[in-house]
N, C-alpha and C. Protein backbone atom coordinates (compact mmCIF):
# COMPACT_ATOMS: atom_id res chain seq x y z
N MET A 1 40.05 43.63 58.40
CA MET A 1 40.49 42.79 59.34
C MET A 1 41.89 42.53 59.37
N GLY A 2 42.45 41.86 58.18
CA GLY A 2 43.80 41.54 58.37
C GLY A 2 44.18 40.28 58.62
N SER A 3 45.55 39.86 58.25
CA SER A 3 45.90 38.52 58.64
C SER A 3 46.62 38.68 60.19
N LYS A 4 46.68 37.38 60.69
CA LYS A 4 47.16 37.23 61.95
C LYS A 4 47.87 35.87 61.99
N THR A 5 49.11 35.99 62.52
CA THR A 5 49.98 34.88 62.56
C THR A 5 49.34 34.15 64.03
N ILE A 6 49.19 32.78 63.58
CA ILE A 6 48.69 31.84 64.65
C ILE A 6 49.54 30.91 65.42
N GLY A 7 50.81 31.01 64.89
CA GLY A 7 51.76 29.94 65.28
C GLY A 7 51.97 28.64 64.27
N LYS A 8 52.60 27.65 64.95
CA LYS A 8 52.78 26.31 63.99
C LYS A 8 51.96 25.44 64.50
N ALA A 9 51.73 24.48 63.46
CA ALA A 9 51.06 23.13 63.78
C ALA A 9 51.80 22.16 63.30
N GLY A 10 52.35 21.32 64.11
CA GLY A 10 53.39 20.32 63.71
C GLY A 10 54.60 20.81 62.82
N GLY A 11 54.96 22.03 63.21
CA GLY A 11 56.13 22.72 62.72
C GLY A 11 55.79 23.42 61.51
N TYR A 12 54.71 23.57 60.87
CA TYR A 12 54.27 24.27 59.68
C TYR A 12 53.74 25.63 60.16
N GLY A 13 54.04 26.56 59.39
CA GLY A 13 53.54 28.00 59.90
C GLY A 13 52.07 28.14 59.36
N ARG A 14 51.49 28.92 60.25
CA ARG A 14 50.07 28.98 60.09
C ARG A 14 49.45 30.52 60.29
N PHE A 15 48.59 30.94 59.61
CA PHE A 15 48.03 32.21 59.87
C PHE A 15 46.63 32.27 59.57
N LYS A 16 45.86 33.21 60.14
CA LYS A 16 44.36 33.60 59.84
C LYS A 16 44.11 34.87 58.91
N GLU A 17 43.45 34.52 58.15
CA GLU A 17 42.79 35.81 57.25
C GLU A 17 41.38 35.67 57.24
N ASN A 18 40.74 36.64 57.71
CA ASN A 18 39.44 36.62 57.85
C ASN A 18 38.96 35.52 58.51
N LYS A 19 39.34 35.23 59.75
CA LYS A 19 38.70 34.14 60.53
C LYS A 19 39.07 32.55 59.97
N VAL A 20 39.84 32.48 58.82
CA VAL A 20 40.18 31.31 58.30
C VAL A 20 41.66 30.97 58.29
N ALA A 21 41.73 29.70 58.95
CA ALA A 21 43.34 29.30 59.05
C ALA A 21 43.79 28.77 58.04
N TYR A 22 44.95 29.08 57.64
CA TYR A 22 45.80 28.57 56.58
C TYR A 22 46.97 28.12 56.94
N ARG A 23 47.70 26.85 56.31
CA ARG A 23 49.04 26.73 56.33
C ARG A 23 49.91 27.42 55.27
N ALA A 24 50.85 28.23 55.83
CA ALA A 24 51.61 28.98 54.98
C ALA A 24 52.18 28.49 53.62
N HIS A 25 52.66 27.35 53.82
CA HIS A 25 53.35 26.85 52.61
C HIS A 25 52.31 26.40 51.54
N ARG A 26 51.00 25.99 51.97
CA ARG A 26 50.04 25.68 51.05
C ARG A 26 49.38 26.89 50.49
N PHE A 27 49.21 27.81 51.42
CA PHE A 27 48.63 29.11 50.85
C PHE A 27 49.53 29.68 49.86
N ALA A 28 50.95 29.75 49.82
CA ALA A 28 51.95 30.25 49.05
C ALA A 28 51.97 29.44 47.64
N LEU A 29 51.73 28.09 47.64
CA LEU A 29 51.69 27.54 46.72
C LEU A 29 50.37 27.64 45.70
N GLU A 30 49.30 27.63 46.37
CA GLU A 30 48.07 28.07 45.84
C GLU A 30 47.86 29.51 45.16
N LEU A 31 48.64 30.43 45.79
CA LEU A 31 48.79 31.67 45.24
C LEU A 31 49.73 31.60 43.95
N TYR A 32 50.71 30.89 43.90
CA TYR A 32 51.75 30.57 42.81
C TYR A 32 50.89 30.16 41.76
N LEU A 33 49.99 28.96 41.90
CA LEU A 33 49.27 28.22 40.97
C LEU A 33 47.98 28.87 40.38
N GLY A 34 47.64 29.89 41.15
CA GLY A 34 46.42 30.64 40.71
C GLY A 34 45.12 29.76 41.11
N ARG A 35 45.19 28.91 41.97
CA ARG A 35 44.01 27.85 42.22
C ARG A 35 44.35 27.18 43.47
N LYS A 36 43.22 26.65 43.87
CA LYS A 36 43.22 25.84 45.30
C LYS A 36 43.86 24.53 44.80
N LEU A 37 44.52 23.85 45.68
CA LEU A 37 44.91 22.51 45.37
C LEU A 37 43.78 21.48 45.57
N LYS A 38 43.74 20.63 44.63
CA LYS A 38 42.81 19.37 44.71
C LYS A 38 42.96 18.60 45.79
N LYS A 39 41.90 17.87 46.17
CA LYS A 39 41.97 16.89 47.22
C LYS A 39 43.03 16.04 47.21
N ASN A 40 43.62 15.52 46.36
CA ASN A 40 44.66 14.63 46.27
C ASN A 40 46.28 15.29 46.18
N GLU A 41 46.13 16.56 46.14
CA GLU A 41 47.35 17.34 45.90
C GLU A 41 47.93 18.00 47.17
N GLN A 42 49.16 17.81 47.37
CA GLN A 42 49.63 18.47 48.63
C GLN A 42 50.88 19.61 48.26
N ALA A 43 51.16 20.38 49.21
CA ALA A 43 52.16 21.22 48.97
C ALA A 43 53.37 20.66 49.71
N ASN A 44 54.32 20.15 49.10
CA ASN A 44 55.26 19.41 49.69
C ASN A 44 56.58 20.14 49.86
N HIS A 45 57.46 19.82 50.69
CA HIS A 45 58.72 20.47 50.92
C HIS A 45 59.99 19.68 50.49
N LYS A 46 60.74 20.10 49.51
CA LYS A 46 62.00 19.33 49.04
C LYS A 46 63.09 19.70 50.02
N CYS A 47 62.91 20.93 50.39
CA CYS A 47 64.00 21.45 51.39
C CYS A 47 64.02 20.84 52.78
N ASN A 48 62.91 20.03 53.22
CA ASN A 48 62.86 19.78 54.63
C ASN A 48 62.55 20.67 55.68
N ASN A 49 62.40 21.94 55.22
CA ASN A 49 61.87 23.09 56.10
C ASN A 49 60.56 23.49 56.12
N ARG A 50 59.87 22.88 57.26
CA ARG A 50 58.58 23.02 57.44
C ARG A 50 57.84 24.58 57.25
N LEU A 51 58.87 25.17 57.79
CA LEU A 51 58.47 26.97 57.82
C LEU A 51 58.64 27.32 56.39
N CYS A 52 59.27 26.75 55.40
CA CYS A 52 59.79 27.42 54.17
C CYS A 52 58.16 27.62 53.22
N VAL A 53 58.20 28.76 52.67
CA VAL A 53 57.13 29.12 51.75
C VAL A 53 57.70 29.54 50.43
N ARG A 54 58.87 29.27 50.08
CA ARG A 54 59.33 29.63 48.70
C ARG A 54 59.03 28.55 47.75
N ILE A 55 58.44 28.92 46.56
CA ILE A 55 58.12 28.05 45.60
C ILE A 55 59.12 27.84 44.57
N GLY A 56 59.43 26.69 44.16
CA GLY A 56 60.30 26.55 43.16
C GLY A 56 61.32 25.19 43.35
N PRO A 57 62.14 25.03 42.47
CA PRO A 57 63.00 23.58 42.71
C PRO A 57 63.64 23.72 44.21
N GLY A 58 63.73 22.72 44.67
CA GLY A 58 64.36 22.45 45.93
C GLY A 58 63.65 23.06 47.21
N HIS A 59 62.54 23.51 47.09
CA HIS A 59 61.73 24.15 48.04
C HIS A 59 60.30 23.50 48.08
N VAL A 60 59.18 24.39 48.05
CA VAL A 60 57.90 23.82 48.00
C VAL A 60 57.35 23.60 46.48
N TYR A 61 56.88 22.47 46.39
CA TYR A 61 56.28 22.18 45.18
C TYR A 61 55.16 21.42 45.26
N GLN A 62 54.31 21.35 44.03
CA GLN A 62 53.03 20.76 43.96
C GLN A 62 53.34 19.21 43.87
N GLY A 63 52.59 18.30 44.66
CA GLY A 63 52.84 16.84 44.66
C GLY A 63 51.68 16.27 45.23
N ASP A 64 52.07 14.96 45.65
CA ASP A 64 50.78 14.26 46.45
C ASP A 64 51.50 13.49 47.55
N ALA A 65 50.66 12.58 48.16
CA ALA A 65 51.31 11.73 49.21
C ALA A 65 52.34 10.69 48.76
N LYS A 66 52.22 10.33 47.56
CA LYS A 66 53.36 9.35 47.05
C LYS A 66 54.69 10.15 46.88
N THR A 67 54.55 11.42 46.13
CA THR A 67 56.02 11.86 45.94
C THR A 67 56.55 12.49 47.36
N ASN A 68 55.70 12.81 48.29
CA ASN A 68 56.21 13.06 49.63
C ASN A 68 56.88 12.27 50.27
N MET A 69 56.33 10.91 50.05
CA MET A 69 56.86 9.63 50.79
C MET A 69 58.21 9.49 50.00
N ARG A 70 58.22 9.47 48.85
CA ARG A 70 59.43 9.39 47.87
C ARG A 70 60.62 10.13 48.39
N ASP A 71 60.30 11.60 48.51
CA ASP A 71 61.34 12.52 48.97
C ASP A 71 61.84 12.09 50.45
N ALA A 72 60.92 11.81 51.28
CA ALA A 72 61.18 11.65 52.62
C ALA A 72 62.23 10.66 52.82
N LYS A 73 62.01 9.53 51.92
CA LYS A 73 62.65 8.27 51.98
C LYS A 73 64.18 8.71 51.42
N GLU A 74 64.10 9.43 50.14
CA GLU A 74 65.23 9.98 49.56
C GLU A 74 66.28 10.81 50.61
N SER A 75 65.53 11.60 51.41
CA SER A 75 66.30 12.60 52.19
C SER A 75 66.48 12.10 53.54
N ASN A 76 66.11 10.73 53.93
CA ASN A 76 66.15 10.12 55.13
C ASN A 76 65.48 10.61 56.31
N ARG A 77 64.34 11.26 55.85
CA ARG A 77 63.36 11.78 56.82
C ARG A 77 62.48 10.85 57.30
N LEU A 78 62.28 9.67 56.90
CA LEU A 78 61.64 8.77 57.56
C LEU A 78 62.42 8.06 58.96
N SER A 79 61.61 7.96 59.95
CA SER A 79 62.12 7.47 61.09
C SER A 79 61.48 6.01 61.37
N VAL A 80 62.25 5.08 61.89
CA VAL A 80 61.70 3.69 62.10
C VAL A 80 61.18 3.73 63.39
N GLN A 81 60.06 3.27 63.55
CA GLN A 81 59.56 3.28 64.95
C GLN A 81 59.87 1.97 65.56
N GLN A 82 60.44 2.00 66.91
CA GLN A 82 60.54 0.82 67.58
C GLN A 82 59.24 0.46 68.46
N PRO A 83 59.05 -0.72 68.53
CA PRO A 83 57.92 -1.26 69.37
C PRO A 83 58.19 -0.85 70.79
N THR A 84 56.88 -0.08 71.30
CA THR A 84 57.12 0.38 72.64
C THR A 84 56.87 -0.89 73.68
N PHE A 85 56.18 -2.14 73.14
CA PHE A 85 56.00 -3.11 73.98
C PHE A 85 56.41 -4.39 73.14
N ILE A 86 57.35 -5.15 73.76
CA ILE A 86 57.82 -6.49 73.38
C ILE A 86 57.07 -7.47 74.08
N ASN A 87 56.13 -8.45 73.39
CA ASN A 87 55.44 -9.43 74.01
C ASN A 87 56.34 -10.65 74.39
N PRO A 88 56.67 -10.96 75.73
CA PRO A 88 57.48 -11.83 76.13
C PRO A 88 57.03 -13.21 75.60
N TRP A 89 55.77 -13.41 75.28
CA TRP A 89 55.12 -14.69 74.87
C TRP A 89 55.04 -14.69 73.36
N GLN A 90 55.31 -13.86 72.68
CA GLN A 90 55.22 -13.73 71.27
C GLN A 90 55.87 -15.10 70.71
N GLY A 91 55.01 -15.68 69.74
CA GLY A 91 55.52 -16.98 69.17
C GLY A 91 55.37 -18.26 70.01
N ARG A 92 54.96 -17.98 71.19
CA ARG A 92 54.46 -19.14 72.19
C ARG A 92 52.94 -19.33 71.97
N CYS A 93 52.54 -20.00 71.13
CA CYS A 93 51.05 -20.08 70.96
C CYS A 93 50.47 -21.36 71.66
N GLY A 94 49.28 -21.33 71.91
CA GLY A 94 48.60 -22.58 72.58
C GLY A 94 49.04 -22.94 73.80
N MET A 95 49.47 -24.22 73.99
CA MET A 95 49.81 -24.60 75.52
C MET A 95 51.60 -24.24 75.66
N LYS A 96 52.05 -23.76 74.63
CA LYS A 96 53.41 -23.10 74.95
C LYS A 96 53.51 -21.85 75.62
N SER A 97 52.49 -21.34 75.65
CA SER A 97 52.31 -19.95 76.10
C SER A 97 52.24 -20.30 77.79
N PRO A 98 52.95 -19.46 78.60
CA PRO A 98 52.96 -19.64 80.11
C PRO A 98 51.44 -19.17 80.75
N VAL A 99 50.85 -18.52 79.87
CA VAL A 99 49.37 -17.91 80.35
C VAL A 99 48.04 -18.78 79.85
N ALA A 100 48.43 -19.79 79.21
CA ALA A 100 47.33 -20.59 78.62
C ALA A 100 46.63 -21.19 79.64
N LYS A 101 45.21 -21.03 79.53
CA LYS A 101 44.23 -21.67 80.42
C LYS A 101 43.67 -22.90 79.84
N LEU A 102 43.53 -23.03 78.60
CA LEU A 102 43.07 -24.15 78.02
C LEU A 102 44.24 -24.97 77.28
N THR A 103 43.68 -26.36 77.04
CA THR A 103 44.58 -27.43 76.70
C THR A 103 44.20 -27.62 75.03
N ASP A 104 45.09 -28.31 74.48
CA ASP A 104 44.79 -28.49 72.93
C ASP A 104 43.57 -29.43 73.08
N GLU A 105 43.29 -30.48 74.03
CA GLU A 105 42.27 -31.28 74.05
C GLU A 105 40.81 -30.43 74.38
N LYS A 106 41.01 -29.58 74.95
CA LYS A 106 39.76 -28.70 75.40
C LYS A 106 39.52 -27.87 74.12
N ILE A 107 40.36 -27.48 73.39
CA ILE A 107 40.19 -26.91 71.86
C ILE A 107 39.61 -27.64 70.96
N ARG A 108 40.03 -28.86 70.73
CA ARG A 108 39.29 -29.73 70.07
C ARG A 108 38.07 -30.07 70.28
N LEU A 109 37.84 -30.13 71.76
CA LEU A 109 36.40 -30.34 72.30
C LEU A 109 35.41 -29.19 71.85
N ILE A 110 35.86 -27.93 72.12
CA ILE A 110 35.27 -26.87 71.77
C ILE A 110 34.55 -26.72 70.18
N ARG A 111 35.50 -27.06 69.22
CA ARG A 111 35.10 -27.20 67.92
C ARG A 111 34.31 -28.46 67.72
N GLU A 112 34.40 -29.39 68.13
CA GLU A 112 33.63 -30.71 68.11
C GLU A 112 32.15 -30.48 68.63
N LEU A 113 32.11 -29.66 70.06
CA LEU A 113 30.80 -29.45 70.51
C LEU A 113 30.18 -28.41 69.58
N ARG A 114 30.75 -27.58 69.02
CA ARG A 114 30.23 -26.72 67.91
C ARG A 114 29.40 -27.16 66.76
N LYS A 115 30.10 -28.18 66.46
CA LYS A 115 29.85 -29.15 65.10
C LYS A 115 28.51 -29.86 65.56
N GLN A 116 28.31 -30.12 66.95
CA GLN A 116 27.25 -30.91 67.30
C GLN A 116 26.00 -29.98 67.75
N GLY A 117 26.24 -28.58 67.39
CA GLY A 117 25.19 -27.70 67.72
C GLY A 117 25.01 -26.92 69.02
N PHE A 118 26.07 -27.21 70.02
CA PHE A 118 25.91 -26.61 71.34
C PHE A 118 26.22 -25.12 71.06
N SER A 119 25.69 -24.37 71.92
CA SER A 119 25.88 -22.78 71.90
C SER A 119 27.23 -22.41 72.51
N GLN A 120 27.63 -21.40 72.17
CA GLN A 120 28.94 -20.93 72.67
C GLN A 120 29.09 -20.77 74.11
N GLN A 121 27.77 -20.37 74.88
CA GLN A 121 27.71 -20.29 76.32
C GLN A 121 27.89 -21.67 77.06
N ALA A 122 27.03 -22.74 76.31
CA ALA A 122 27.19 -24.06 76.86
C ALA A 122 28.67 -24.41 76.76
N ILE A 123 29.19 -24.35 75.60
CA ILE A 123 30.58 -24.63 75.50
C ILE A 123 31.49 -24.20 76.54
N ALA A 124 31.39 -23.11 76.67
CA ALA A 124 32.23 -22.04 77.60
C ALA A 124 31.95 -22.87 79.04
N ASP A 125 30.72 -22.94 79.33
CA ASP A 125 30.26 -23.64 80.77
C ASP A 125 31.18 -24.89 80.88
N LYS A 126 30.96 -25.70 79.81
CA LYS A 126 31.42 -27.20 79.71
C LYS A 126 33.21 -27.14 79.88
N VAL A 127 33.81 -26.24 79.30
CA VAL A 127 35.43 -26.24 79.34
C VAL A 127 35.86 -25.28 80.42
N GLY A 128 35.00 -24.50 81.14
CA GLY A 128 35.69 -23.78 82.09
C GLY A 128 36.12 -22.42 81.58
N SER A 129 35.58 -21.92 80.53
CA SER A 129 35.90 -20.70 79.90
C SER A 129 34.78 -19.64 79.66
N THR A 130 35.03 -18.81 78.90
CA THR A 130 34.18 -17.62 78.75
C THR A 130 33.43 -17.70 77.25
N GLN A 131 32.17 -17.26 77.08
CA GLN A 131 31.51 -17.30 75.65
C GLN A 131 32.65 -16.43 74.77
N ILE A 132 32.92 -15.34 75.29
CA ILE A 132 33.74 -14.49 74.20
C ILE A 132 35.13 -15.36 73.78
N ASN A 133 35.79 -16.09 74.64
CA ASN A 133 36.95 -16.87 74.34
C ASN A 133 36.51 -18.10 73.52
N VAL A 134 35.49 -18.55 73.85
CA VAL A 134 34.98 -19.66 72.85
C VAL A 134 34.56 -19.02 71.25
N SER A 135 34.12 -17.93 71.33
CA SER A 135 33.78 -17.11 70.06
C SER A 135 35.12 -16.92 69.13
N VAL A 136 36.13 -16.37 69.82
CA VAL A 136 37.38 -16.05 69.24
C VAL A 136 38.18 -17.39 68.70
N ILE A 137 37.85 -18.34 69.58
CA ILE A 137 38.53 -19.68 69.17
C ILE A 137 37.93 -20.11 67.96
N LEU A 138 36.64 -20.20 67.79
CA LEU A 138 35.52 -20.74 66.79
C LEU A 138 35.78 -19.83 65.50
N ARG A 139 36.26 -18.70 65.64
CA ARG A 139 36.48 -17.63 64.41
C ARG A 139 37.85 -17.87 63.97
N GLY A 140 38.66 -18.56 64.71
CA GLY A 140 40.16 -18.67 64.21
C GLY A 140 40.99 -17.63 64.49
N LYS A 141 40.74 -16.71 65.42
CA LYS A 141 41.39 -15.48 65.91
C LYS A 141 42.44 -16.17 67.07
N THR A 142 42.29 -17.12 67.69
CA THR A 142 43.23 -17.85 68.70
C THR A 142 43.22 -19.29 68.41
N TRP A 143 44.30 -20.05 68.71
CA TRP A 143 44.32 -21.40 68.74
C TRP A 143 44.16 -21.75 67.31
N LYS A 144 44.78 -21.27 66.33
CA LYS A 144 44.50 -21.47 65.03
C LYS A 144 45.13 -22.79 64.60
N HIS A 145 46.12 -23.11 65.31
CA HIS A 145 47.04 -24.43 65.00
C HIS A 145 46.44 -25.77 65.29
N ILE A 146 45.39 -25.50 66.17
CA ILE A 146 44.67 -26.77 66.67
C ILE A 146 43.22 -26.84 65.70
N TYR A 147 43.07 -27.96 65.17
CA TYR A 147 41.94 -28.34 64.37
C TYR A 147 41.19 -29.53 64.85
């Protein structure tokens, strides 16, 4: 049947042999080692060339995720992701948020009514909110600063 080049995946060379897809650099390292890589092992690139299949110092070597990250850091391959969305209300919790619908007093009332045994739905109806909102307040996911 023979092998067939099937292009690049994430910049890494790939090919098929007997209907099985391989990453070229990993396949080359396994041939060199004479065995399959273990689950926690990787074929890492010291040369930063994803198409490279040369085994040896400065090129493809047997490593793991930790050594790969160390190499990436040393060679400045790590990019710093910028946030795609900046929340204009970040840091403005509770009534300081311009979108707050409840007050500090209502939050205290929610907590007190729960201690008295009222259901979340009954509390929500009383304060003009939803059961879901009351639930996240009582679990401390929102309005954490009010007790």
